Amino acid sequence: VVLCHTGTRDLAAEVRQADIVVAAAGQPGLITA
């Protein structure tokens, strides 16, 4: 598990490596294709 947050340096890079993504930030449309 990688726990990402507002202090994560490169969110897109972290998410792009994941087999499973759980988006629970409360920011509409944060995770894009």
PDB file of all heavy atoms in Angstrom:
ATOM      1  N   VAL A   1       0.814  -1.212   0.000  1.00  0.00           N
ATOM      2  CA  VAL A   1       0.000   0.000   0.000  1.00  0.00           C
ATOM      3  C   VAL A   1       0.852   1.267   0.000  1.00  0.00           C
ATOM      4  O   VAL A   1       1.819   1.379   0.754  1.00  0.00           O
ATOM      5  CB  VAL A   1      -0.937   0.013   1.225  1.00  0.00           C
ATOM      6  CG1 VAL A   1      -1.693   1.333   1.316  1.00  0.00           C
ATOM      7  CG2 VAL A   1      -1.925  -1.152   1.141  1.00  0.00           C
ATOM      8  N   VAL A   2       0.460   2.219  -0.849  1.00  0.00           N
ATOM      9  CA  VAL A   2       1.008   3.569  -0.821  1.00  0.00           C
ATOM     10  C   VAL A   2      -0.138   4.501  -0.438  1.00  0.00           C
ATOM     11  O   VAL A   2      -1.153   4.556  -1.131  1.00  0.00           O
ATOM     12  CB  VAL A   2       1.591   3.977  -2.188  1.00  0.00           C
ATOM     13  CG1 VAL A   2       2.063   5.424  -2.145  1.00  0.00           C
ATOM     14  CG2 VAL A   2       2.737   3.059  -2.577  1.00  0.00           C
ATOM     15  N   LEU A   3       0.024   5.225   0.676  1.00  0.00           N
ATOM     16  CA  LEU A   3      -1.010   6.135   1.155  1.00  0.00           C
ATOM     17  C   LEU A   3      -0.680   7.548   0.676  1.00  0.00           C
ATOM     18  O   LEU A   3       0.266   8.179   1.137  1.00  0.00           O
ATOM     19  CB  LEU A   3      -1.088   6.099   2.682  1.00  0.00           C
ATOM     20  CG  LEU A   3      -2.160   6.969   3.339  1.00  0.00           C
ATOM     21  CD1 LEU A   3      -3.549   6.620   2.816  1.00  0.00           C
ATOM     22  CD2 LEU A   3      -2.125   6.804   4.855  1.00  0.00           C
ATOM     23  N   CYS A   4      -1.478   8.027  -0.272  1.00  0.00           N
ATOM     24  CA  CYS A   4      -1.236   9.346  -0.872  1.00  0.00           C
ATOM     25  C   CYS A   4      -2.113  10.404  -0.209  1.00  0.00           C
ATOM     26  O   CYS A   4      -3.197  10.107   0.306  1.00  0.00           O
ATOM     27  CB  CYS A   4      -1.547   9.299  -2.374  1.00  0.00           C
ATOM     28  SG  CYS A   4      -0.611   8.064  -3.294  1.00  0.00           S
ATOM     29  N   HIS A   5      -1.654  11.660  -0.257  1.00  0.00           N
ATOM     30  CA  HIS A   5      -2.359  12.752   0.403  1.00  0.00           C
ATOM     31  C   HIS A   5      -1.922  14.074  -0.215  1.00  0.00           C
ATOM     32  O   HIS A   5      -1.222  14.084  -1.244  1.00  0.00           O
ATOM     33  CB  HIS A   5      -2.085  12.724   1.906  1.00  0.00           C
ATOM     34  CG  HIS A   5      -0.648  12.464   2.245  1.00  0.00           C
ATOM     35  ND1 HIS A   5       0.336  13.420   2.104  1.00  0.00           N
ATOM     36  CD2 HIS A   5      -0.024  11.333   2.671  1.00  0.00           C
ATOM     37  CE1 HIS A   5       1.501  12.913   2.466  1.00  0.00           C
ATOM     38  NE2 HIS A   5       1.317  11.644   2.798  1.00  0.00           N
ATOM     39  N   THR A   6      -2.311  15.184   0.410  1.00  0.00           N
ATOM     40  CA  THR A   6      -2.009  16.486  -0.176  1.00  0.00           C
ATOM     41  C   THR A   6      -0.510  16.785  -0.213  1.00  0.00           C
ATOM     42  O   THR A   6      -0.073  17.660  -0.960  1.00  0.00           O
ATOM     43  CB  THR A   6      -2.717  17.603   0.617  1.00  0.00           C
ATOM     44  OG1 THR A   6      -2.387  17.465   2.018  1.00  0.00           O
ATOM     45  CG2 THR A   6      -4.227  17.508   0.450  1.00  0.00           C
ATOM     46  N   GLY A   7       0.261  16.057   0.574  1.00  0.00           N
ATOM     47  CA  GLY A   7       1.704  16.262   0.557  1.00  0.00           C
ATOM     48  C   GLY A   7       2.446  15.344  -0.390  1.00  0.00           C
ATOM     49  O   GLY A   7       3.679  15.412  -0.487  1.00  0.00           O
ATOM     50  N   THR A   8       1.719  14.487  -1.105  1.00  0.00           N
ATOM     51  CA  THR A   8       2.365  13.577  -2.054  1.00  0.00           C
ATOM     52  C   THR A   8       2.964  14.378  -3.211  1.00  0.00           C
ATOM     53  O   THR A   8       2.275  15.192  -3.833  1.00  0.00           O
ATOM     54  CB  THR A   8       1.346  12.551  -2.590  1.00  0.00           C
ATOM     55  OG1 THR A   8       0.844  11.780  -1.488  1.00  0.00           O
ATOM     56  CG2 THR A   8       1.991  11.617  -3.602  1.00  0.00           C
ATOM     57  N   ARG A   9       4.230  14.126  -3.517  1.00  0.00           N
ATOM     58  CA  ARG A   9       4.949  14.951  -4.496  1.00  0.00           C
ATOM     59  C   ARG A   9       4.401  14.798  -5.907  1.00  0.00           C
ATOM     60  O   ARG A   9       4.221  15.776  -6.631  1.00  0.00           O
ATOM     61  CB  ARG A   9       6.441  14.601  -4.452  1.00  0.00           C
ATOM     62  CG  ARG A   9       7.303  15.455  -5.365  1.00  0.00           C
ATOM     63  CD  ARG A   9       8.770  15.180  -5.122  1.00  0.00           C
ATOM     64  NE  ARG A   9       9.139  15.475  -3.732  1.00  0.00           N
ATOM     65  CZ  ARG A   9      10.306  15.115  -3.195  1.00  0.00           C
ATOM     66  NH1 ARG A   9      11.172  14.423  -3.899  1.00  0.00           N
ATOM     67  NH2 ARG A   9      10.568  15.431  -1.950  1.00  0.00           N
ATOM     68  N   ASP A  10       4.166  13.584  -6.336  1.00  0.00           N
ATOM     69  CA  ASP A  10       3.687  13.349  -7.699  1.00  0.00           C
ATOM     70  C   ASP A  10       2.571  12.316  -7.637  1.00  0.00           C
ATOM     71  O   ASP A  10       2.809  11.117  -7.797  1.00  0.00           O
ATOM     72  CB  ASP A  10       4.834  12.868  -8.593  1.00  0.00           C
ATOM     73  CG  ASP A  10       4.463  12.837 -10.071  1.00  0.00           C
ATOM     74  OD1 ASP A  10       3.259  12.847 -10.377  1.00  0.00           O
ATOM     75  OD2 ASP A  10       5.378  12.793 -10.917  1.00  0.00           O
ATOM     76  N   LEU A  11       1.363  12.789  -7.391  1.00  0.00           N
ATOM     77  CA  LEU A  11       0.224  11.891  -7.219  1.00  0.00           C
ATOM     78  C   LEU A  11       0.001  11.030  -8.454  1.00  0.00           C
ATOM     79  O   LEU A  11      -0.223   9.819  -8.349  1.00  0.00           O
ATOM     80  CB  LEU A  11      -1.038  12.702  -6.908  1.00  0.00           C
ATOM     81  CG  LEU A  11      -2.330  11.899  -6.756  1.00  0.00           C
ATOM     82  CD1 LEU A  11      -2.232  10.947  -5.583  1.00  0.00           C
ATOM     83  CD2 LEU A  11      -3.536  12.843  -6.585  1.00  0.00           C
ATOM     84  N   ALA A  12       0.065  11.622  -9.626  1.00  0.00           N
ATOM     85  CA  ALA A  12      -0.189  10.870 -10.855  1.00  0.00           C
ATOM     86  C   ALA A  12       0.778   9.701 -11.002  1.00  0.00           C
ATOM     87  O   ALA A  12       0.385   8.603 -11.408  1.00  0.00           O
ATOM     88  CB  ALA A  12      -0.091  11.803 -12.065  1.00  0.00           C
ATOM     89  N   ALA A  13       2.045   9.926 -10.670  1.00  0.00           N
ATOM     90  CA  ALA A  13       3.042   8.865 -10.796  1.00  0.00           C
ATOM     91  C   ALA A  13       2.751   7.719  -9.834  1.00  0.00           C
ATOM     92  O   ALA A  13       2.913   6.539 -10.184  1.00  0.00           O
ATOM     93  CB  ALA A  13       4.438   9.429 -10.544  1.00  0.00           C
ATOM     94  N   GLU A  14       2.322   8.051  -8.622  1.00  0.00           N
ATOM     95  CA  GLU A  14       2.016   7.004  -7.638  1.00  0.00           C
ATOM     96  C   GLU A  14       0.801   6.195  -8.074  1.00  0.00           C
ATOM     97  O   GLU A  14       0.787   4.967  -8.005  1.00  0.00           O
ATOM     98  CB  GLU A  14       1.764   7.630  -6.261  1.00  0.00           C
ATOM     99  CG  GLU A  14       2.957   8.345  -5.658  1.00  0.00           C
ATOM    100  CD  GLU A  14       4.086   7.403  -5.263  1.00  0.00           C
ATOM    101  OE1 GLU A  14       3.878   6.170  -5.282  1.00  0.00           O
ATOM    102  OE2 GLU A  14       5.180   7.902  -4.942  1.00  0.00           O
ATOM    103  N   VAL A  15      -0.241   6.897  -8.528  1.00  0.00           N
ATOM    104  CA  VAL A  15      -1.477   6.218  -8.935  1.00  0.00           C
ATOM    105  C   VAL A  15      -1.231   5.355 -10.167  1.00  0.00           C
ATOM    106  O   VAL A  15      -1.751   4.241 -10.281  1.00  0.00           O
ATOM    107  CB  VAL A  15      -2.593   7.254  -9.200  1.00  0.00           C
ATOM    108  CG1 VAL A  15      -3.818   6.589  -9.821  1.00  0.00           C
ATOM    109  CG2 VAL A  15      -2.965   7.974  -7.916  1.00  0.00           C
ATOM    110  N   ARG A  16      -0.406   5.838 -11.084  1.00  0.00           N
ATOM    111  CA  ARG A  16      -0.168   5.138 -12.349  1.00  0.00           C
ATOM    112  C   ARG A  16       0.493   3.771 -12.149  1.00  0.00           C
ATOM    113  O   ARG A  16       0.366   2.883 -12.993  1.00  0.00           O
ATOM    114  CB  ARG A  16       0.684   6.013 -13.271  1.00  0.00           C
ATOM    115  CG  ARG A  16       0.577   5.648 -14.748  1.00  0.00           C
ATOM    116  CD  ARG A  16       1.286   6.688 -15.612  1.00  0.00           C
ATOM    117  NE  ARG A  16       0.559   7.954 -15.630  1.00  0.00           N
ATOM    118  CZ  ARG A  16       1.061   9.114 -15.197  1.00  0.00           C
ATOM    119  NH1 ARG A  16       2.291   9.171 -14.707  1.00  0.00           N
ATOM    120  NH2 ARG A  16       0.326  10.204 -15.259  1.00  0.00           N
ATOM    121  N   GLN A  17       1.175   3.582 -11.026  1.00  0.00           N
ATOM    122  CA  GLN A  17       1.847   2.299 -10.756  1.00  0.00           C
ATOM    123  C   GLN A  17       0.926   1.278 -10.082  1.00  0.00           C
ATOM    124  O   GLN A  17       1.295   0.113  -9.934  1.00  0.00           O
ATOM    125  CB  GLN A  17       3.054   2.532  -9.845  1.00  0.00           C
ATOM    126  CG  GLN A  17       4.133   3.393 -10.440  1.00  0.00           C
ATOM    127  CD  GLN A  17       5.292   3.563  -9.470  1.00  0.00           C
ATOM    128  OE1 GLN A  17       5.990   2.609  -9.126  1.00  0.00           O
ATOM    129  NE2 GLN A  17       5.485   4.788  -8.990  1.00  0.00           N
ATOM    130  N   ALA A  18      -0.258   1.721  -9.683  1.00  0.00           N
ATOM    131  CA  ALA A  18      -1.108   0.895  -8.835  1.00  0.00           C
ATOM    132  C   ALA A  18      -1.973  -0.087  -9.622  1.00  0.00           C
ATOM    133  O   ALA A  18      -2.523   0.246 -10.671  1.00  0.00           O
ATOM    134  CB  ALA A  18      -2.000   1.788  -7.979  1.00  0.00           C
ATOM    135  N   ASP A  19      -2.114  -1.285  -9.072  1.00  0.00           N
ATOM    136  CA  ASP A  19      -3.047  -2.274  -9.601  1.00  0.00           C
ATOM    137  C   ASP A  19      -4.462  -1.994  -9.103  1.00  0.00           C
ATOM    138  O   ASP A  19      -5.450  -2.364  -9.745  1.00  0.00           O
ATOM    139  CB  ASP A  19      -2.637  -3.678  -9.161  1.00  0.00           C
ATOM    140  CG  ASP A  19      -1.207  -4.009  -9.552  1.00  0.00           C
ATOM    141  OD1 ASP A  19      -0.915  -4.008 -10.756  1.00  0.00           O
ATOM    142  OD2 ASP A  19      -0.380  -4.244  -8.645  1.00  0.00           O
ATOM    143  N   ILE A  20      -4.543  -1.379  -7.921  1.00  0.00           N
ATOM    144  CA  ILE A  20      -5.824  -1.005  -7.323  1.00  0.00           C
ATOM    145  C   ILE A  20      -5.708   0.437  -6.846  1.00  0.00           C
ATOM    146  O   ILE A  20      -4.733   0.805  -6.183  1.00  0.00           O
ATOM    147  CB  ILE A  20      -6.182  -1.916  -6.132  1.00  0.00           C
ATOM    148  CG1 ILE A  20      -6.320  -3.379  -6.591  1.00  0.00           C
ATOM    149  CG2 ILE A  20      -7.471  -1.446  -5.456  1.00  0.00           C
ATOM    150  CD1 ILE A  20      -6.466  -4.371  -5.446  1.00  0.00           C
ATOM    151  N   VAL A  21      -6.694   1.255  -7.191  1.00  0.00           N
ATOM    152  CA  VAL A  21      -6.730   2.648  -6.764  1.00  0.00           C
ATOM    153  C   VAL A  21      -8.010   2.866  -5.957  1.00  0.00           C
ATOM    154  O   VAL A  21      -9.096   2.492  -6.397  1.00  0.00           O
ATOM    155  CB  VAL A  21      -6.724   3.617  -7.972  1.00  0.00           C
ATOM    156  CG1 VAL A  21      -6.769   5.072  -7.485  1.00  0.00           C
ATOM    157  CG2 VAL A  21      -5.512   3.377  -8.850  1.00  0.00           C
ATOM    158  N   VAL A  22      -7.857   3.447  -4.779  1.00  0.00           N
ATOM    159  CA  VAL A  22      -9.015   3.811  -3.967  1.00  0.00           C
ATOM    160  C   VAL A  22      -8.973   5.319  -3.768  1.00  0.00           C
ATOM    161  O   VAL A  22      -8.053   5.840  -3.130  1.00  0.00           O
ATOM    162  CB  VAL A  22      -9.027   3.096  -2.608  1.00  0.00           C
ATOM    163  CG1 VAL A  22     -10.273   3.490  -1.812  1.00  0.00           C
ATOM    164  CG2 VAL A  22      -8.966   1.588  -2.800  1.00  0.00           C
ATOM    165  N   ALA A  23      -9.941   6.027  -4.337  1.00  0.00           N
ATOM    166  CA  ALA A  23      -9.971   7.483  -4.271  1.00  0.00           C
ATOM    167  C   ALA A  23     -10.946   7.928  -3.193  1.00  0.00           C
ATOM    168  O   ALA A  23     -12.147   7.708  -3.307  1.00  0.00           O
ATOM    169  CB  ALA A  23     -10.377   8.061  -5.621  1.00  0.00           C
ATOM    170  N   ALA A  24     -10.406   8.535  -2.137  1.00  0.00           N
ATOM    171  CA  ALA A  24     -11.231   8.963  -1.008  1.00  0.00           C
ATOM    172  C   ALA A  24     -10.768  10.323  -0.518  1.00  0.00           C
ATOM    173  O   ALA A  24     -10.553  10.544   0.671  1.00  0.00           O
ATOM    174  CB  ALA A  24     -11.155   7.941   0.124  1.00  0.00           C
ATOM    175  N   ALA A  25     -10.599  11.250  -1.463  1.00  0.00           N
ATOM    176  CA  ALA A  25     -10.081  12.575  -1.131  1.00  0.00           C
ATOM    177  C   ALA A  25     -11.155  13.644  -1.063  1.00  0.00           C
ATOM    178  O   ALA A  25     -10.936  14.718  -0.500  1.00  0.00           O
ATOM    179  CB  ALA A  25      -9.031  12.990  -2.162  1.00  0.00           C
ATOM    180  N   GLY A  26     -12.318  13.386  -1.659  1.00  0.00           N
ATOM    181  CA  GLY A  26     -13.366  14.397  -1.682  1.00  0.00           C
ATOM    182  C   GLY A  26     -13.084  15.530  -2.648  1.00  0.00           C
ATOM    183  O   GLY A  26     -13.500  16.665  -2.431  1.00  0.00           O
ATOM    184  N   GLN A  27     -12.390  15.207  -3.752  1.00  0.00           N
ATOM    185  CA  GLN A  27     -12.091  16.200  -4.789  1.00  0.00           C
ATOM    186  C   GLN A  27     -12.668  15.701  -6.115  1.00  0.00           C
ATOM    187  O   GLN A  27     -12.137  14.752  -6.698  1.00  0.00           O
ATOM    188  CB  GLN A  27     -10.585  16.419  -4.918  1.00  0.00           C
ATOM    189  CG  GLN A  27      -9.940  17.011  -3.675  1.00  0.00           C
ATOM    190  CD  GLN A  27      -8.477  17.316  -3.886  1.00  0.00           C
ATOM    191  OE1 GLN A  27      -8.055  17.663  -4.984  1.00  0.00           O
ATOM    192  NE2 GLN A  27      -7.700  17.186  -2.825  1.00  0.00           N
ATOM    193  N   PRO A  28     -13.728  16.307  -6.604  1.00  0.00           N
ATOM    194  CA  PRO A  28     -14.401  15.821  -7.818  1.00  0.00           C
ATOM    195  C   PRO A  28     -13.444  15.685  -9.006  1.00  0.00           C
ATOM    196  O   PRO A  28     -12.681  16.599  -9.308  1.00  0.00           O
ATOM    197  CB  PRO A  28     -15.452  16.900  -8.081  1.00  0.00           C
ATOM    198  CG  PRO A  28     -15.716  17.509  -6.745  1.00  0.00           C
ATOM    199  CD  PRO A  28     -14.400  17.486  -6.032  1.00  0.00           C
ATOM    200  N   GLY A  29     -13.498  14.504  -9.653  1.00  0.00           N
ATOM    201  CA  GLY A  29     -12.719  14.266 -10.862  1.00  0.00           C
ATOM    202  C   GLY A  29     -11.219  14.235 -10.662  1.00  0.00           C
ATOM    203  O   GLY A  29     -10.460  14.374 -11.634  1.00  0.00           O
ATOM    204  N   LEU A  30     -10.758  14.017  -9.448  1.00  0.00           N
ATOM    205  CA  LEU A  30      -9.321  14.041  -9.155  1.00  0.00           C
ATOM    206  C   LEU A  30      -8.551  12.980  -9.945  1.00  0.00           C
ATOM    207  O   LEU A  30      -7.465  13.234 -10.460  1.00  0.00           O
ATOM    208  CB  LEU A  30      -9.101  13.830  -7.651  1.00  0.00           C
ATOM    209  CG  LEU A  30      -7.654  13.717  -7.170  1.00  0.00           C
ATOM    210  CD1 LEU A  30      -6.911  15.013  -7.391  1.00  0.00           C
ATOM    211  CD2 LEU A  30      -7.615  13.298  -5.694  1.00  0.00           C
ATOM    212  N   ILE A  31      -9.116  11.775 -10.039  1.00  0.00           N
ATOM    213  CA  ILE A  31      -8.447  10.675 -10.732  1.00  0.00           C
ATOM    214  C   ILE A  31      -8.950  10.627 -12.173  1.00  0.00           C
ATOM    215  O   ILE A  31     -10.136  10.400 -12.429  1.00  0.00           O
ATOM    216  CB  ILE A  31      -8.724   9.329 -10.029  1.00  0.00           C
ATOM    217  CG1 ILE A  31      -8.343   9.400  -8.547  1.00  0.00           C
ATOM    218  CG2 ILE A  31      -7.970   8.208 -10.723  1.00  0.00           C
ATOM    219  CD1 ILE A  31      -6.898   9.737  -8.281  1.00  0.00           C
ATOM    220  N   THR A  32      -8.041  10.834 -13.110  1.00  0.00           N
ATOM    221  CA  THR A  32      -8.396  10.866 -14.533  1.00  0.00           C
ATOM    222  C   THR A  32      -7.765   9.696 -15.264  1.00  0.00           C
ATOM    223  O   THR A  32      -6.880   9.006 -14.735  1.00  0.00           O
ATOM    224  CB  THR A  32      -7.933  12.188 -15.159  1.00  0.00           C
ATOM    225  OG1 THR A  32      -6.524  12.359 -14.908  1.00  0.00           O
ATOM    226  CG2 THR A  32      -8.684  13.363 -14.569  1.00  0.00           C
ATOM    227  N   ALA A  33      -8.216   9.461 -16.491  1.00  0.00           N
ATOM    228  CA  ALA A  33      -7.787   8.282 -17.249  1.00  0.00           C
ATOM    229  C   ALA A  33      -6.273   8.215 -17.438  1.00  0.00           C
ATOM    230  O   ALA A  33      -5.681   7.132 -17.388  1.00  0.00           O
ATOM    231  CB  ALA A  33      -8.493   8.261 -18.604  1.00  0.00           C
TER     232      ALA A  33
END
